């Protein structure tokens, strides 16, 4: 079994891409946005948003606390891309190496965010980190009832429309659009969320669960 793995997800966001990119570079405010998932982000050394700076993330996944000490390994301002390398913490109990790569694309009409996880497992028995794609709302499991609204075989695209469940409590409409691209060297899966909030106080869906296994 291959020990090296990659998870990739691309999603369209309603917020400004520059604002989102700055938030990822200087993530100390993220805990205010998603406090039930991300409890804190603390600067350990260096300066916020600088290559070589080290931050400690404290998160809750499936009710389990997870701590990760990460360093900003590289930043590409032109591509609006940042790479975090995990130095210590719970992930390194199962993985030899682990990186988070976040890229913001503002070239088209939409602001697109692509998340990439690159990792090497300690052993063949270690699972791919698929639980990072688990959806949660206010720390509880999210239950949804959906139907396939459209399907395009040539584009390898599926659209699911939510019609009942937890998401409909806070969103008037919610759609998941999944597209598979096999034209390049990699098999890429792109997830797009389209939604309408019931009011201005409803937050945008957190992005931590939008990872998709493609390798």
Protein backbone atom coordinates (compact mmCIF):
# COMPACT_ATOMS: atom_id res chain seq x y z
CA UNK A 1 0.00 0.00 0.00
CA UNK A 2 1.18 3.52 -0.83
CA UNK A 3 2.20 5.44 2.32
CA UNK A 4 2.20 8.86 0.66
CA UNK A 5 -1.18 10.49 0.17
CA UNK A 6 -2.89 13.66 -0.97
CA UNK A 7 -6.32 15.17 -0.28
CA UNK A 8 -7.58 18.04 -2.44
CA UNK A 9 -10.71 20.17 -2.35
CA UNK A 10 -11.75 23.34 -4.20
CA UNK A 11 -14.72 25.41 -3.12
CA UNK A 12 -16.24 28.75 -4.06
CA UNK A 13 -16.59 31.27 -1.24
CA UNK A 14 -18.88 34.27 -0.96
CA UNK A 15 -16.42 36.34 1.08
CA UNK A 16 -13.66 38.41 -0.52
CA UNK A 17 -10.66 36.31 -1.51
CA UNK A 18 -8.13 38.83 -0.19
CA UNK A 19 -9.84 38.85 3.20
CA UNK A 20 -9.89 35.05 3.35
CA UNK A 21 -6.21 34.85 2.34
CA UNK A 22 -5.21 37.31 5.07
CA UNK A 23 -7.23 35.28 7.57
CA UNK A 24 -5.31 32.11 6.63
CA UNK A 25 -1.96 33.92 6.85
CA UNK A 26 -2.80 35.49 10.20
CA UNK A 27 -5.23 32.94 11.67
CA UNK A 28 -5.57 34.26 15.23
CA UNK A 29 -9.13 35.44 14.48
CA UNK A 30 -10.36 32.10 13.11
CA UNK A 31 -11.34 30.88 16.58
CA UNK A 32 -13.81 33.77 16.74
CA UNK A 33 -15.43 32.60 13.50
CA UNK A 34 -15.57 28.83 14.18
CA UNK A 35 -15.13 28.55 17.97
CA UNK A 36 -16.65 25.09 18.26
CA UNK A 37 -14.22 23.62 15.71
CA UNK A 38 -11.13 25.80 16.20
CA UNK A 39 -10.68 26.71 19.84
CA UNK A 40 -7.50 28.74 19.52
CA UNK A 41 -4.58 29.66 17.25
CA UNK A 42 -1.54 30.95 19.16
CA UNK A 43 1.70 32.42 17.83
CA UNK A 44 4.67 30.54 19.29
CA UNK A 45 7.55 32.25 17.46
CA UNK A 46 8.15 34.73 14.66
CA UNK A 47 5.55 37.14 13.31
CA UNK A 48 1.99 36.56 12.10
CA UNK A 49 1.95 35.81 8.37
CA UNK A 50 5.74 35.44 8.02
CA UNK A 51 7.66 32.47 6.60
CA UNK A 52 9.26 30.53 9.45
CA UNK A 53 6.71 31.63 12.05
CA UNK A 54 5.30 28.86 14.24
CA UNK A 55 1.69 28.66 15.44
CA UNK A 56 -0.19 26.17 17.61
CA UNK A 57 -3.73 25.19 16.56
CA UNK A 58 -6.16 23.67 19.05
CA UNK A 59 -9.16 22.09 17.32
CA UNK A 60 -12.05 19.75 18.09
CA UNK A 61 -12.91 17.00 15.58
CA UNK A 62 -15.68 14.50 16.34
CA UNK A 63 -15.63 15.70 19.94
CA UNK A 64 -11.91 14.91 20.20
CA UNK A 65 -9.36 17.63 20.96
CA UNK A 66 -6.44 17.85 18.54
CA UNK A 67 -3.34 20.04 18.84
CA UNK A 68 -1.00 20.81 15.95
CA UNK A 69 2.20 22.84 16.02
CA UNK A 70 2.79 24.20 12.53
CA UNK A 71 5.32 26.36 10.70
CA UNK A 72 4.66 28.55 7.66
CA UNK A 73 6.99 26.81 5.22
CA UNK A 74 6.33 29.01 2.19
CA UNK A 75 4.19 31.88 0.92
CA UNK A 76 3.51 32.84 -2.69
CA UNK A 77 1.88 36.27 -2.72
CA UNK A 78 1.28 36.23 -6.49
CA UNK A 79 -0.55 32.88 -6.30
CA UNK A 80 -2.07 33.73 -2.91
CA UNK A 81 -0.78 30.41 -1.62
CA UNK A 82 0.50 29.42 1.81
CA UNK A 83 1.99 26.14 3.03
CA UNK A 84 1.87 25.03 6.67
CA UNK A 85 4.14 22.17 7.76
CA UNK A 86 3.19 20.25 10.90
CA UNK A 87 6.13 20.11 13.32
CA UNK A 88 4.56 18.46 16.34
CA UNK A 89 1.22 17.34 17.74
CA UNK A 90 -1.41 14.65 17.42
CA UNK A 91 -1.14 14.24 13.63
CA UNK A 92 2.51 13.20 13.87
CA UNK A 93 1.54 10.23 16.02
CA UNK A 94 0.28 8.58 12.81
CA UNK A 95 1.99 10.48 9.99
CA UNK A 96 5.71 11.00 9.35
CA UNK A 97 5.03 14.25 7.53
CA UNK A 98 1.93 16.42 7.14
CA UNK A 99 1.38 19.65 5.21
CA UNK A 100 -1.61 21.95 4.64
CA UNK A 101 -1.48 23.98 1.41
CA UNK A 102 -4.14 26.67 0.92
CA UNK A 103 -4.54 28.62 -2.33
CA UNK A 104 -6.98 31.46 -3.09
CA UNK A 105 -7.90 32.06 -6.74
CA UNK A 106 -9.52 35.39 -7.65
CA UNK A 107 -8.96 35.21 -11.42
CA UNK A 108 -12.52 34.21 -12.33
CA UNK A 109 -15.91 35.53 -11.29
CA UNK A 110 -15.84 33.50 -8.09
CA UNK A 111 -13.34 33.44 -5.24
CA UNK A 112 -12.07 29.85 -5.18
CA UNK A 113 -10.19 28.27 -2.29
CA UNK A 114 -8.23 25.06 -2.88
CA UNK A 115 -7.10 23.03 0.13
CA UNK A 116 -4.42 20.35 -0.31
CA UNK A 117 -3.19 17.90 2.32
CA UNK A 118 0.10 16.11 1.64
CA UNK A 119 1.16 13.42 4.09
CA UNK A 120 3.17 10.24 4.63
CA UNK A 121 1.74 7.55 6.88
CA UNK A 122 3.79 5.87 9.58
CA UNK A 123 2.49 2.42 8.57
CA UNK A 124 0.07 0.85 6.11
CA UNK A 125 -2.54 0.54 8.87
CA UNK A 126 -2.82 4.30 9.31
CA UNK A 127 -6.03 5.58 7.66
CA UNK A 128 -6.18 8.52 5.28
CA UNK A 129 -7.23 11.62 7.28
CA UNK A 130 -10.79 11.50 5.93
CA UNK A 131 -12.36 12.66 9.18
CA UNK A 132 -11.19 16.18 8.29
CA UNK A 133 -14.03 16.21 5.75
CA UNK A 134 -16.69 15.40 8.37
CA UNK A 135 -19.33 18.11 8.53
CA UNK A 136 -20.30 19.53 11.90
CA UNK A 137 -22.58 22.35 12.99
CA UNK A 138 -22.11 23.76 16.50
CA UNK A 139 -20.11 20.67 17.48
CA UNK A 140 -22.90 18.24 16.55
CA UNK A 141 -23.09 15.79 13.68
CA UNK A 142 -24.83 17.21 10.64
CA UNK A 143 -27.71 15.16 9.23
CA UNK A 144 -28.97 15.90 5.74
CA UNK A 145 -31.50 14.61 3.23
CA UNK A 146 -30.62 15.31 -0.41
CA UNK A 147 -31.65 14.39 -3.92
CA UNK A 148 -29.64 14.39 -7.15
CA UNK A 149 -30.82 17.49 -8.97
CA UNK A 150 -28.65 17.09 -12.08
CA UNK A 151 -26.02 14.82 -13.56
CA UNK A 152 -23.57 15.41 -16.44
CA UNK A 153 -21.73 12.29 -17.54
CA UNK A 154 -19.34 14.08 -19.93
CA UNK A 155 -18.22 16.57 -17.29
CA UNK A 156 -18.40 13.92 -14.55
CA UNK A 157 -20.50 16.30 -12.48
CA UNK A 158 -23.24 15.74 -9.89
CA UNK A 159 -25.45 18.28 -8.14
CA UNK A 160 -27.13 17.39 -4.85
CA UNK A 161 -29.86 19.64 -3.46
CA UNK A 162 -30.59 19.67 0.26
CA UNK A 163 -34.31 19.48 1.08
CA UNK A 164 -34.35 18.42 4.74
CA UNK A 165 -31.98 18.26 7.68
CA UNK A 166 -29.80 20.41 9.93
CA UNK A 167 -28.53 22.69 7.17
CA UNK A 168 -32.07 23.77 6.26
CA UNK A 169 -32.43 25.16 9.78
CA UNK A 170 -30.06 28.00 8.93
CA UNK A 171 -30.01 28.09 5.10
CA UNK A 172 -32.97 28.65 2.76
CA UNK A 173 -31.23 26.66 0.01
CA UNK A 174 -28.12 24.50 -0.04
CA UNK A 175 -26.48 22.62 -2.93
CA UNK A 176 -23.40 20.43 -3.24
CA UNK A 177 -21.84 20.31 -6.72
CA UNK A 178 -19.14 17.67 -7.25
CA UNK A 179 -16.96 17.55 -10.37
CA UNK A 180 -14.22 15.06 -11.24
CA UNK A 181 -11.42 16.19 -13.58
CA UNK A 182 -9.19 13.51 -15.11
CA UNK A 183 -7.68 15.63 -17.90
CA UNK A 184 -4.38 16.34 -16.14
CA UNK A 185 -1.82 14.16 -14.41
CA UNK A 186 -3.84 14.12 -11.19
CA UNK A 187 -7.43 13.12 -10.56
CA UNK A 188 -8.95 16.27 -9.09
CA UNK A 189 -12.27 16.53 -7.29
CA UNK A 190 -13.85 19.98 -6.98
CA UNK A 191 -16.61 20.63 -4.45
CA UNK A 192 -18.77 23.75 -4.79
CA UNK A 193 -21.29 24.90 -2.20
CA UNK A 194 -24.15 27.16 -3.24
CA UNK A 195 -26.36 28.44 -0.45
CA UNK A 196 -28.68 31.20 0.73
CA UNK A 197 -28.66 32.17 4.40
CA UNK A 198 -31.87 32.69 6.32
CA UNK A 199 -30.43 35.84 7.88
CA UNK A 200 -27.23 37.87 8.05
CA UNK A 201 -26.18 36.29 11.35
CA UNK A 202 -25.80 32.83 9.80
CA UNK A 203 -22.08 32.10 9.24
CA UNK A 204 -20.57 30.81 6.03
CA UNK A 205 -20.03 27.04 6.21
CA UNK A 206 -16.66 26.23 7.77
CA UNK A 207 -14.17 24.85 5.26
CA UNK A 208 -12.35 22.34 7.44
CA UNK A 209 -14.67 19.50 6.35
CA UNK A 210 -14.33 20.14 2.62
CA UNK A 211 -11.38 17.83 2.03
CA UNK A 212 -11.91 15.06 -0.54
CA UNK A 213 -9.77 11.96 -1.03
CA UNK A 214 -8.43 11.84 -4.57
CA UNK A 215 -5.40 9.57 -4.36
